[in-house]
Amino acid sequence: MHVTSSGKTRQITAPFTGEPLAELPISTADDVRLAYERARAAQAEWAARPAAARARPFLLLHDAILDRRDEILDIVQDETGKARKHAFEEVLDVAGCSLYYARRAPGLLAPRGRKGIFPAATRVAELRQPKGVVALISPWNYPLSLGVTDAVPALLAGNALVHKPDTQTAMSTLWTIDLLAELGMPREIWQVVLGEPAEIGDALLDDADYVAFTGSTRGGRKIAEEAAKRLIGCSLELGGKNPMVVLDDADLAHAVQGAIRACFTNAGQLCLSIERLYVHESVFDDFAARLVKQVRNLKLGAGRDWSVQMGSLTSQRQLDAVGAHVDDAVAKGATVLTGGRARPDLGPLFYEPTVLTGVRDDMDLCRNETFGPVVALYPFTSEEEAVELANDTIYGLNASIWTTDLARGRALATRVKAGTVNINEGYGSAYASYDAPMGGMKSSGLGRRHGAEGLLRYTESKTVASQASWLGFEPPFDLTYETWANVLAGTLKTMRRLRIK
């Protein structure tokens, strides 16, 4: 177990059963500082390698993790309680994202020629250099995906990592580091520390050259404040209260299936999950009846059965939060169409997939992120109202639009204030298209993962310009500065007309 620790341990339990799962080492602030020392010592040699050489272990990771999928699926299920098919999405994400960056990193990091101020006399190159040591803080809900897909581009850029995964779900990250070490990655460049933010959070931020964080909006604000004090960069993927809009021309059977996937994947513990479902009034009753019928028939369960459609919540804290949101809404007049209760008969942290109507602003469920298997249905009368309702939130992470008219859907998508908008899918189309950036607007975060930006955020850009001796910024040939100014002005105007600048 390659965690920097002075010997203290913590027991984690299996969400499916509540039984002990593993004893993991816990870090102190001094351990974090030691992890930074080790990371910095390894980073210089790693950064000195050509980008193509750094990419080799991550090219191999694609097939390796797919070949060993049963092994890592067991670990992810054991530590999170999610259904096996939802754990498999994490495996696919790591394989696909790692391959994308391993293939493209050498090109993205290559020096690029830029136009100089004087054609032929000024040569300019833009270089990309690593930040140094990146602090990576990843959450418990998608420990494999979010613990690895943010790490890979940071490492490919030539950085080392000090990574704090959530303690409950650290085993999947540690397993992947072991696998990458077998594939040729120097283990020292990816240091892991475990512990509570109150105990190691300050030390984690104190020595970082950049911070990548996925988690709550409250936690993200604190990290942004600390990063600003030190004038270092950060990227933050934070909370969401994501809307889905079903237009009057939608294929309802398709939309219902999409809603089930969008709302109940990983028991709703997904930052991209749909929690507000707006349906045109002309199809509202039909859609609601179809949705409720299918949600009631969802197969819940623990274990490795591929036919299970929804697993467990991951923690007692999350179970309590979900129950509190539903109970508050019901007490204030909302109607539960299906679900609305815990299922201790299935396991200690199960909660039924839940659909409600009549949710109003005075209910916690209306505007606050639930992060569980709960969705509220609302009718709307026009596209303008749908856009207004979708945008009526402090968040802007993900959105979903359902229509048989793709041009109509794309036009509507431009008006929704969210970092990703999926048409006729809940979240996967945008998220899994690794060549396009993904992230949040408003209180849903800063910066982007995926695409060129997902790698270049971990670099510093440097401009190197060289000037020919025969032409500079001072007057040549003993010209007066006034004469030189006139020559320059005329030359620049000619360059503009010839489109040289």
Protein backbone atom coordinates (compact mmCIF):
# COMPACT_ATOMS: atom_id res chain seq x y z
CA MET A 1 0.00 0.00 0.00
CA HIS A 2 1.87 3.04 -1.29
CA VAL A 3 0.44 5.81 0.89
CA THR A 4 2.71 8.28 2.69
CA SER A 5 1.80 7.61 6.32
CA SER A 6 3.40 7.57 9.75
CA GLY A 7 1.51 4.44 10.73
CA LYS A 8 -1.98 5.56 11.73
CA THR A 9 -4.78 3.61 10.03
CA ARG A 10 -8.52 3.84 9.45
CA GLN A 11 -11.02 1.09 8.79
CA ILE A 12 -13.39 1.47 5.85
CA THR A 13 -16.58 -0.52 5.46
CA ALA A 14 -18.38 -2.04 2.48
CA PRO A 15 -21.55 -0.06 1.59
CA PHE A 16 -23.33 -3.23 0.46
CA THR A 17 -23.08 -4.84 3.90
CA GLY A 18 -21.68 -2.40 6.44
CA GLU A 19 -18.97 -4.95 7.21
CA PRO A 20 -15.26 -4.02 7.47
CA LEU A 21 -13.62 -3.84 4.06
CA ALA A 22 -10.03 -2.69 4.57
CA GLU A 23 -7.62 -0.97 6.95
CA LEU A 24 -5.99 1.97 5.16
CA PRO A 25 -3.01 4.08 6.27
CA ILE A 26 -3.80 7.69 7.22
CA SER A 27 -1.46 10.64 6.63
CA THR A 28 -0.48 13.55 8.83
CA ALA A 29 0.50 17.06 7.74
CA ASP A 30 4.15 15.99 8.03
CA ASP A 31 3.42 13.02 5.79
CA VAL A 32 1.98 15.37 3.17
CA ARG A 33 5.11 17.51 3.27
CA LEU A 34 7.22 14.36 2.85
CA ALA A 35 5.07 13.35 -0.14
CA TYR A 36 5.81 16.71 -1.76
CA GLU A 37 9.54 16.23 -1.19
CA ARG A 38 9.41 12.84 -2.88
CA ALA A 39 7.28 14.16 -5.74
CA ARG A 40 9.60 17.10 -6.40
CA ALA A 41 12.64 14.85 -6.36
CA ALA A 42 11.06 12.65 -9.04
CA GLN A 43 9.49 15.38 -11.16
CA ALA A 44 12.61 16.87 -12.76
CA GLU A 45 13.74 13.55 -14.29
CA TRP A 46 10.17 12.75 -15.40
CA ALA A 47 9.75 16.17 -17.08
CA ALA A 48 13.08 15.76 -18.85
CA ARG A 49 11.80 12.69 -20.71
CA PRO A 50 10.34 13.31 -24.18
CA ALA A 51 6.55 13.54 -24.11
CA ALA A 52 6.28 10.40 -26.26
CA ALA A 53 8.30 8.46 -23.66
CA ARG A 54 6.08 9.71 -20.85
CA ALA A 55 3.04 8.58 -22.84
CA ARG A 56 4.06 4.91 -23.20
CA PRO A 57 2.66 3.57 -19.88
CA PHE A 58 -0.64 5.35 -20.51
CA LEU A 59 -0.95 3.95 -24.02
CA LEU A 60 -0.57 0.49 -22.49
CA LEU A 61 -3.11 1.30 -19.75
CA HIS A 62 -5.98 1.21 -22.25
CA ASP A 63 -5.76 -2.53 -22.96
CA ALA A 64 -4.40 -3.45 -19.53
CA ILE A 65 -7.33 -2.09 -17.58
CA LEU A 66 -9.84 -3.60 -20.02
CA ASP A 67 -8.11 -6.97 -19.75
CA ARG A 68 -8.16 -6.81 -15.93
CA ARG A 69 -11.63 -5.27 -15.68
CA ASP A 70 -13.12 -7.92 -13.41
CA GLU A 71 -10.44 -7.24 -10.82
CA ILE A 72 -11.00 -3.49 -10.71
CA LEU A 73 -14.78 -3.79 -11.03
CA ASP A 74 -14.82 -5.83 -7.83
CA ILE A 75 -12.79 -3.15 -6.04
CA VAL A 76 -14.97 -0.26 -7.25
CA GLN A 77 -18.15 -2.06 -6.25
CA ASP A 78 -16.77 -3.06 -2.86
CA GLU A 79 -15.77 0.51 -1.96
CA THR A 80 -18.72 2.43 -3.48
CA GLY A 81 -21.72 0.10 -3.48
CA LYS A 82 -22.62 0.93 -7.07
CA ALA A 83 -24.10 -1.48 -9.59
CA ARG A 84 -21.59 -3.39 -11.70
CA LYS A 85 -22.68 -1.80 -14.97
CA HIS A 86 -22.12 1.64 -13.44
CA ALA A 87 -18.68 0.59 -12.24
CA PHE A 88 -17.94 -0.53 -15.79
CA GLU A 89 -18.57 3.03 -17.00
CA GLU A 90 -15.60 4.04 -14.86
CA VAL A 91 -13.37 1.43 -16.48
CA LEU A 92 -14.41 2.61 -19.94
CA ASP A 93 -13.75 6.22 -18.94
CA VAL A 94 -10.22 5.52 -17.73
CA ALA A 95 -9.38 3.46 -20.81
CA GLY A 96 -10.78 6.01 -23.28
CA CYS A 97 -9.49 9.17 -21.62
CA SER A 98 -6.00 7.75 -21.05
CA LEU A 99 -5.73 6.67 -24.68
CA TYR A 100 -6.92 10.07 -25.92
CA TYR A 101 -4.27 11.98 -23.95
CA ALA A 102 -1.46 9.48 -24.49
CA ARG A 103 -1.92 9.83 -28.24
CA ARG A 104 -2.28 13.61 -28.27
CA ALA A 105 -0.01 14.85 -25.50
CA PRO A 106 3.19 14.94 -27.62
CA GLY A 107 1.49 17.15 -30.20
CA LEU A 108 -0.23 19.40 -27.66
CA LEU A 109 3.04 19.92 -25.78
CA ALA A 110 5.24 20.49 -28.83
CA PRO A 111 6.70 24.00 -29.32
CA ARG A 112 4.60 26.14 -31.62
CA GLY A 113 5.82 28.89 -33.88
CA ARG A 114 4.05 32.22 -33.49
CA LYS A 115 4.12 35.34 -35.63
CA GLY A 116 6.77 37.85 -34.65
CA ILE A 117 6.43 41.61 -34.74
CA PHE A 118 8.90 41.93 -37.67
CA PRO A 119 8.52 39.28 -40.40
CA ALA A 120 11.78 37.37 -40.96
CA ALA A 121 13.52 39.42 -38.26
CA THR A 122 11.60 38.23 -35.20
CA ARG A 123 11.24 34.49 -34.52
CA VAL A 124 8.80 33.48 -31.77
CA ALA A 125 8.08 30.10 -30.18
CA GLU A 126 5.44 29.19 -27.59
CA LEU A 127 6.65 26.50 -25.19
CA ARG A 128 4.59 24.43 -22.75
CA GLN A 129 6.28 23.54 -19.49
CA PRO A 130 4.89 21.62 -16.49
CA LYS A 131 3.61 23.43 -13.42
CA GLY A 132 5.74 21.24 -11.13
CA VAL A 133 3.82 19.30 -8.48
CA VAL A 134 0.03 19.22 -8.79
CA ALA A 135 -2.29 18.66 -5.84
CA LEU A 136 -5.16 16.43 -7.00
CA ILE A 137 -8.22 16.04 -4.76
CA SER A 138 -10.73 13.49 -6.04
CA PRO A 139 -14.13 12.46 -4.62
CA TRP A 140 -15.71 9.21 -3.53
CA ASN A 141 -18.55 8.87 -6.05
CA TYR A 142 -16.44 8.01 -9.13
CA PRO A 143 -13.13 7.08 -7.54
CA LEU A 144 -11.59 5.32 -10.54
CA SER A 145 -12.73 7.82 -13.18
CA LEU A 146 -12.04 11.00 -11.26
CA GLY A 147 -9.00 9.65 -9.46
CA VAL A 148 -7.27 8.68 -12.72
CA THR A 149 -8.55 10.77 -15.65
CA ASP A 150 -7.44 14.03 -14.01
CA ALA A 151 -4.11 12.48 -13.02
CA VAL A 152 -3.18 11.20 -16.48
CA PRO A 153 -3.00 14.56 -18.31
CA ALA A 154 -1.18 16.14 -15.37
CA LEU A 155 1.48 13.43 -15.51
CA LEU A 156 1.73 13.48 -19.29
CA ALA A 157 2.39 17.22 -19.09
CA GLY A 158 5.51 16.43 -17.04
CA ASN A 159 4.20 17.11 -13.56
CA ALA A 160 4.35 14.96 -10.45
CA LEU A 161 1.27 14.49 -8.26
CA VAL A 162 0.36 14.57 -4.61
CA HIS A 163 -3.08 13.01 -4.73
CA LYS A 164 -5.67 12.87 -1.97
CA PRO A 165 -8.47 10.54 -2.95
CA ASP A 166 -11.36 10.08 -0.54
CA THR A 167 -10.30 7.51 2.06
CA GLN A 168 -13.46 5.42 1.60
CA THR A 169 -12.68 4.87 -2.07
CA ALA A 170 -8.88 5.03 -2.28
CA MET A 171 -8.31 1.38 -3.20
CA SER A 172 -9.22 1.85 -6.86
CA THR A 173 -6.64 4.63 -7.24
CA LEU A 174 -3.95 2.60 -5.48
CA TRP A 175 -4.71 -0.41 -7.69
CA THR A 176 -4.31 1.74 -10.82
CA ILE A 177 -0.97 3.14 -9.63
CA ASP A 178 0.28 -0.41 -9.12
CA LEU A 179 -0.87 -1.29 -12.63
CA LEU A 180 0.82 1.75 -14.18
CA ALA A 181 4.03 0.97 -12.31
CA GLU A 182 3.96 -2.49 -13.91
CA LEU A 183 3.56 -0.75 -17.28
CA GLY A 184 6.62 1.46 -16.75
CA MET A 185 5.47 4.56 -14.90
CA PRO A 186 7.87 5.68 -12.14
CA ARG A 187 5.87 5.18 -8.96
CA GLU A 188 7.44 8.20 -7.24
CA ILE A 189 5.75 10.71 -9.54
CA TRP A 190 2.30 9.80 -8.16
CA GLN A 191 2.26 10.21 -4.38
CA VAL A 192 -0.89 9.38 -2.40
CA VAL A 193 -1.97 10.80 0.95
CA LEU A 194 -5.15 9.96 2.85
CA GLY A 195 -6.97 11.85 5.58
CA GLU A 196 -9.59 14.43 6.43
CA PRO A 197 -9.33 17.97 4.98
CA ALA A 198 -9.26 19.46 8.48
CA GLU A 199 -6.12 17.49 9.27
CA ILE A 200 -4.11 17.58 6.03
CA GLY A 201 -5.89 20.14 3.83
CA ASP A 202 -3.63 23.08 4.64
CA ALA A 203 -0.46 21.09 4.07
CA LEU A 204 -1.86 19.77 0.78
CA LEU A 205 -2.38 23.28 -0.56
CA ASP A 206 0.70 24.92 0.96
CA ASP A 207 3.24 23.26 -1.35
CA ALA A 208 1.14 22.82 -4.50
CA ASP A 209 2.00 24.50 -7.79
CA TYR A 210 -1.54 23.90 -9.06
CA VAL A 211 -4.71 22.37 -7.58
CA ALA A 212 -7.25 20.17 -9.40
CA PHE A 213 -10.37 19.55 -7.33
CA THR A 214 -13.64 17.72 -7.90
CA GLY A 215 -16.19 17.99 -5.12
CA SER A 216 -18.72 20.28 -3.49
CA THR A 217 -19.18 23.93 -4.34
CA ARG A 218 -18.49 24.83 -0.72
CA GLY A 219 -15.18 22.97 -0.78
CA GLY A 220 -14.29 24.47 -4.15
CA ARG A 221 -14.77 28.02 -2.89
CA LYS A 222 -12.35 27.39 -0.04
CA ILE A 223 -9.74 25.94 -2.37
CA ALA A 224 -10.11 28.87 -4.78
CA GLU A 225 -9.55 31.31 -1.90
CA GLU A 226 -6.40 29.53 -0.77
CA ALA A 227 -5.08 29.23 -4.32
CA ALA A 228 -5.66 32.96 -4.85
CA LYS A 229 -3.65 33.80 -1.73
CA ARG A 230 -0.67 31.94 -3.19
CA LEU A 231 -1.29 33.10 -6.79
CA ILE A 232 -1.44 29.55 -8.11
CA GLY A 233 -3.96 28.19 -10.57
CA CYS A 234 -6.80 25.79 -9.86
CA SER A 235 -9.50 23.92 -11.72
CA LEU A 236 -12.73 23.08 -9.91
CA GLU A 237 -15.54 20.77 -10.96
CA LEU A 238 -18.27 21.37 -8.41
CA GLY A 239 -21.94 20.75 -7.74
CA GLY A 240 -24.94 20.71 -10.03
CA LYS A 241 -28.72 20.76 -9.99
CA ASN A 242 -28.99 19.61 -13.56
CA PRO A 243 -32.11 20.02 -15.72
CA MET A 244 -33.60 17.76 -18.37
CA VAL A 245 -36.10 19.25 -20.82
CA VAL A 246 -38.55 17.00 -22.69
CA LEU A 247 -40.10 18.89 -25.60
CA ASP A 248 -43.54 18.21 -27.03
CA ASP A 249 -42.11 16.33 -30.04
CA ALA A 250 -39.84 14.01 -28.03
CA ASP A 251 -39.89 10.24 -28.47
CA LEU A 252 -41.33 9.50 -25.03
CA ALA A 253 -40.19 5.89 -24.83
CA HIS A 254 -36.65 6.98 -25.62
CA ALA A 255 -36.87 9.95 -23.24
CA VAL A 256 -38.08 7.80 -20.35
CA GLN A 257 -35.19 5.40 -20.80
CA GLY A 258 -32.84 8.36 -20.97
CA ALA A 259 -34.29 9.84 -17.80
CA ILE A 260 -33.78 6.60 -15.89
CA ARG A 261 -30.14 6.51 -16.95
CA ALA A 262 -29.64 10.24 -16.29
CA CYS A 263 -31.30 10.25 -12.87
CA PHE A 264 -30.40 6.90 -11.33
CA THR A 265 -26.95 5.92 -12.60
CA ASN A 266 -24.80 5.29 -9.52
CA ALA A 267 -27.92 5.89 -7.41
CA GLY A 268 -27.86 9.53 -8.51
CA GLN A 269 -24.43 10.12 -6.95
CA LEU A 270 -23.10 11.78 -10.08
CA CYS A 271 -22.30 15.47 -10.47
CA LEU A 272 -23.85 15.33 -13.97
CA SER A 273 -27.01 13.58 -12.75
CA ILE A 274 -30.43 15.01 -13.62
CA GLU A 275 -32.41 16.21 -10.58
CA ARG A 276 -34.92 18.57 -12.29
CA LEU A 277 -37.06 17.14 -15.09
CA TYR A 278 -39.13 19.62 -17.13
CA VAL A 279 -41.76 18.09 -19.42
CA HIS A 280 -44.03 19.92 -21.87
CA GLU A 281 -47.56 20.05 -20.52
CA SER A 282 -48.99 18.31 -23.61
CA VAL A 283 -47.03 15.12 -22.84
CA PHE A 284 -46.51 15.54 -19.10
CA ASP A 285 -49.08 12.99 -17.89
CA ASP A 286 -48.07 10.36 -20.45
CA PHE A 287 -44.37 10.83 -19.70
CA ALA A 288 -44.90 10.73 -15.92
CA ALA A 289 -46.97 7.53 -16.11
CA ARG A 290 -44.36 5.80 -18.28
CA LEU A 291 -41.50 6.95 -16.07
CA VAL A 292 -43.13 5.87 -12.82
CA LYS A 293 -43.99 2.44 -14.22
CA GLN A 294 -40.41 1.78 -15.26
CA VAL A 295 -38.83 3.22 -12.11
CA ARG A 296 -41.01 0.96 -9.95
CA ASN A 297 -39.66 -2.03 -11.86
CA LEU A 298 -35.97 -1.16 -11.56
CA LYS A 299 -33.92 -4.01 -10.10
CA LEU A 300 -32.03 -2.91 -6.98
CA GLY A 301 -29.43 -5.07 -5.36
CA ALA A 302 -25.97 -5.66 -3.94
CA GLY A 303 -23.22 -7.72 -5.44
CA ARG A 304 -21.74 -8.49 -8.84
CA ASP A 305 -24.89 -9.36 -10.81
CA TRP A 306 -24.81 -7.50 -14.14
CA SER A 307 -28.62 -7.41 -14.26
CA VAL A 308 -28.85 -5.07 -11.23
CA GLN A 309 -29.98 -1.62 -12.42
CA MET A 310 -29.16 0.42 -9.32
CA GLY A 311 -26.93 -0.18 -6.35
CA SER A 312 -26.45 1.36 -2.94
CA LEU A 313 -25.55 4.80 -1.72
CA THR A 314 -21.97 4.99 -0.48
CA SER A 315 -22.24 6.48 3.01
CA GLN A 316 -24.64 6.97 5.89
CA ARG A 317 -24.20 10.73 5.47
CA GLN A 318 -25.48 10.50 1.91
CA LEU A 319 -28.40 8.29 2.91
CA ASP A 320 -29.38 10.78 5.62
CA ALA A 321 -29.13 13.72 3.20
CA VAL A 322 -31.32 12.04 0.58
CA GLY A 323 -33.94 11.04 3.14
CA ALA A 324 -33.98 14.55 4.63
CA HIS A 325 -34.61 16.15 1.23
CA VAL A 326 -37.50 13.82 0.41
CA ASP A 327 -39.04 14.04 3.89
CA ASP A 328 -38.88 17.85 3.86
CA ALA A 329 -40.55 18.00 0.44
CA VAL A 330 -43.33 15.63 1.46
CA ALA A 331 -43.94 17.51 4.72
CA LYS A 332 -44.38 20.71 2.71
CA GLY A 333 -46.83 19.24 0.22
CA ALA A 334 -44.88 17.43 -2.51
CA THR A 335 -46.25 14.14 -3.87
CA VAL A 336 -44.14 11.00 -4.15
CA LEU A 337 -45.14 9.17 -7.33
CA THR A 338 -42.82 6.25 -6.56
CA GLY A 339 -40.05 5.45 -4.10
CA GLY A 340 -39.39 7.78 -1.19
CA ARG A 341 -38.02 5.37 1.37
CA ALA A 342 -34.88 3.60 2.49
CA ARG A 343 -34.53 -0.14 1.83
CA PRO A 344 -32.60 -1.68 4.74
CA ASP A 345 -33.85 -5.09 3.60
CA LEU A 346 -31.45 -4.81 0.65
CA GLY A 347 -28.52 -3.34 2.57
CA PRO A 348 -27.75 -0.60 5.10
CA LEU A 349 -27.44 2.24 2.55
CA PHE A 350 -30.10 1.52 -0.07
CA TYR A 351 -32.70 4.13 -1.00
CA GLU A 352 -35.43 3.60 -3.56
CA PRO A 353 -35.32 5.51 -6.85
CA THR A 354 -37.77 8.33 -6.23
CA VAL A 355 -39.95 10.54 -8.44
CA LEU A 356 -41.85 13.52 -7.03
CA THR A 357 -44.19 16.23 -8.28
CA GLY A 358 -45.37 19.44 -6.63
CA VAL A 359 -41.86 20.47 -5.52
CA ARG A 360 -41.74 24.20 -4.71
CA ASP A 361 -39.09 26.81 -3.94
CA ASP A 362 -39.54 26.52 -0.17
CA MET A 363 -38.42 22.88 -0.22
CA ASP A 364 -34.73 21.95 0.18
CA LEU A 365 -35.11 19.51 -2.72
CA CYS A 366 -36.01 22.29 -5.16
CA ARG A 367 -32.69 24.13 -5.43
CA ASN A 368 -30.09 22.27 -3.37
CA GLU A 369 -28.16 19.37 -4.85
CA THR A 370 -29.54 16.07 -3.49
CA PHE A 371 -26.87 13.76 -4.93
CA GLY A 372 -29.06 10.73 -4.71
CA PRO A 373 -31.70 8.75 -6.65
CA VAL A 374 -34.33 11.51 -6.57
CA VAL A 375 -35.86 13.59 -9.37
CA ALA A 376 -38.65 16.17 -9.37
CA LEU A 377 -41.04 16.52 -12.34
CA TYR A 378 -42.30 19.93 -13.48
CA PRO A 379 -44.57 20.88 -16.44
CA PHE A 380 -43.83 23.78 -18.79
CA THR A 381 -45.82 25.45 -21.57
CA SER A 382 -43.26 26.95 -23.99
CA GLU A 383 -39.59 26.82 -24.97
CA GLU A 384 -39.05 30.23 -23.40
CA GLU A 385 -40.40 28.95 -20.08
CA ALA A 386 -38.31 25.79 -20.34
CA VAL A 387 -35.12 27.79 -20.84
CA GLU A 388 -36.01 30.13 -17.98
CA LEU A 389 -36.66 27.21 -15.64
CA ALA A 390 -33.53 25.34 -16.71
CA ASN A 391 -31.39 28.43 -16.06
CA ASP A 392 -33.06 29.31 -12.75
CA THR A 393 -30.26 27.92 -10.58
CA ILE A 394 -26.91 28.94 -9.18
CA TYR A 395 -25.42 25.93 -10.95
CA GLY A 396 -24.49 25.30 -14.57
CA LEU A 397 -22.79 21.95 -14.97
CA ASN A 398 -24.89 19.74 -17.26
CA ALA A 399 -28.23 19.76 -19.06
CA SER A 400 -30.24 17.44 -21.27
CA ILE A 401 -32.76 18.17 -24.06
CA TRP A 402 -35.04 15.62 -25.72
CA THR A 403 -36.59 16.21 -29.14
CA THR A 404 -36.92 14.50 -32.52
CA ASP A 405 -35.88 17.78 -34.19
CA LEU A 406 -32.11 17.99 -33.71
CA ALA A 407 -31.89 21.51 -35.12
CA ARG A 408 -34.47 22.62 -32.58
CA GLY A 409 -32.53 20.89 -29.81
CA ARG A 410 -29.23 22.51 -30.80
CA ALA A 411 -30.82 25.95 -30.95
CA LEU A 412 -32.29 25.45 -27.50
CA ALA A 413 -28.95 24.16 -26.20
CA THR A 414 -27.25 27.47 -27.02
CA ARG A 415 -29.62 29.21 -24.61
CA VAL A 416 -29.07 26.87 -21.65
CA LYS A 417 -26.34 28.08 -19.28
CA ALA A 418 -24.45 24.87 -18.64
CA GLY A 419 -20.94 23.67 -19.48
CA THR A 420 -22.28 20.59 -21.29
CA VAL A 421 -25.65 20.09 -22.96
CA ASN A 422 -26.65 16.66 -24.27
CA ILE A 423 -29.40 16.19 -26.84
CA ASN A 424 -31.29 12.88 -26.56
CA GLU A 425 -28.86 11.65 -23.88
CA GLY A 426 -28.50 12.54 -20.24
CA TYR A 427 -24.77 13.06 -19.79
CA GLY A 428 -22.66 10.51 -21.64
CA SER A 429 -22.49 12.03 -25.13
CA ALA A 430 -20.71 15.18 -23.98
CA TYR A 431 -18.69 13.66 -21.15
CA ALA A 432 -17.26 10.77 -23.14
CA SER A 433 -16.32 12.93 -26.15
CA TYR A 434 -12.81 13.51 -24.85
CA ASP A 435 -11.82 15.90 -27.62
CA ALA A 436 -14.32 18.47 -26.29
CA PRO A 437 -13.88 20.36 -22.98
CA MET A 438 -16.13 19.53 -20.03
CA GLY A 439 -16.79 21.63 -16.94
CA GLY A 440 -19.17 23.98 -15.18
CA MET A 441 -20.49 27.51 -15.40
CA LYS A 442 -21.61 29.71 -12.49
CA SER A 443 -21.26 27.89 -9.14
CA SER A 444 -20.47 24.61 -10.87
CA GLY A 445 -16.79 25.38 -11.21
CA LEU A 446 -13.77 26.84 -12.97
CA GLY A 447 -11.70 25.43 -15.81
CA ARG A 448 -12.26 22.35 -17.92
CA ARG A 449 -11.24 18.71 -18.10
CA HIS A 450 -10.97 16.91 -21.46
CA GLY A 451 -9.86 18.37 -24.76
CA ALA A 452 -6.67 20.37 -25.17
CA GLU A 453 -7.57 22.50 -22.16
CA GLY A 454 -7.73 19.42 -19.94
CA LEU A 455 -4.00 18.89 -20.46
CA LEU A 456 -2.74 22.44 -21.02
CA ARG A 457 -4.23 23.61 -17.70
CA TYR A 458 -1.36 21.68 -16.10
CA THR A 459 1.27 23.67 -18.01
CA GLU A 460 2.79 27.13 -18.03
CA SER A 461 3.07 28.80 -21.43
CA LYS A 462 6.39 30.46 -22.14
CA THR A 463 7.22 32.72 -25.07
CA VAL A 464 10.77 32.73 -26.45
CA ALA A 465 11.48 35.43 -29.04
CA SER A 466 14.75 36.00 -30.89
CA GLN A 467 15.57 39.16 -32.82
CA ALA A 468 17.85 39.46 -35.87
CA SER A 469 20.79 41.79 -35.45
CA TRP A 470 20.02 43.64 -38.69
CA LEU A 471 16.63 44.93 -37.52
CA GLY A 472 15.66 45.90 -33.99
CA PHE A 473 13.60 48.40 -32.06
CA GLU A 474 16.10 51.25 -32.19
CA PRO A 475 16.68 53.46 -35.30
CA PRO A 476 19.21 51.89 -37.76
CA PHE A 477 21.73 53.70 -39.92
CA ASP A 478 21.92 56.76 -37.64
CA LEU A 479 18.32 57.73 -38.43
CA THR A 480 16.68 60.15 -36.04
CA TYR A 481 13.93 58.68 -33.91
CA GLU A 482 11.39 60.93 -35.61
CA THR A 483 12.39 59.62 -39.03
CA TRP A 484 12.40 56.05 -37.68
CA ALA A 485 8.91 56.55 -36.24
CA ASN A 486 7.64 57.69 -39.64
CA VAL A 487 9.25 54.68 -41.34
CA LEU A 488 7.73 52.28 -38.78
CA ALA A 489 4.28 53.83 -39.05
CA GLY A 490 4.31 53.56 -42.83
CA THR A 491 5.64 50.01 -42.73
CA LEU A 492 2.96 48.88 -40.27
CA LYS A 493 0.20 50.40 -42.40
CA THR A 494 1.55 48.60 -45.47
CA MET A 495 1.73 45.34 -43.53
CA ARG A 496 -1.88 45.75 -42.49
CA ARG A 497 -3.01 46.31 -46.10
CA LEU A 498 -1.02 43.26 -47.24
CA ARG A 499 -2.47 41.23 -44.30
CA ILE A 500 1.04 40.47 -43.04
CA LYS A 501 -0.06 41.34 -39.49
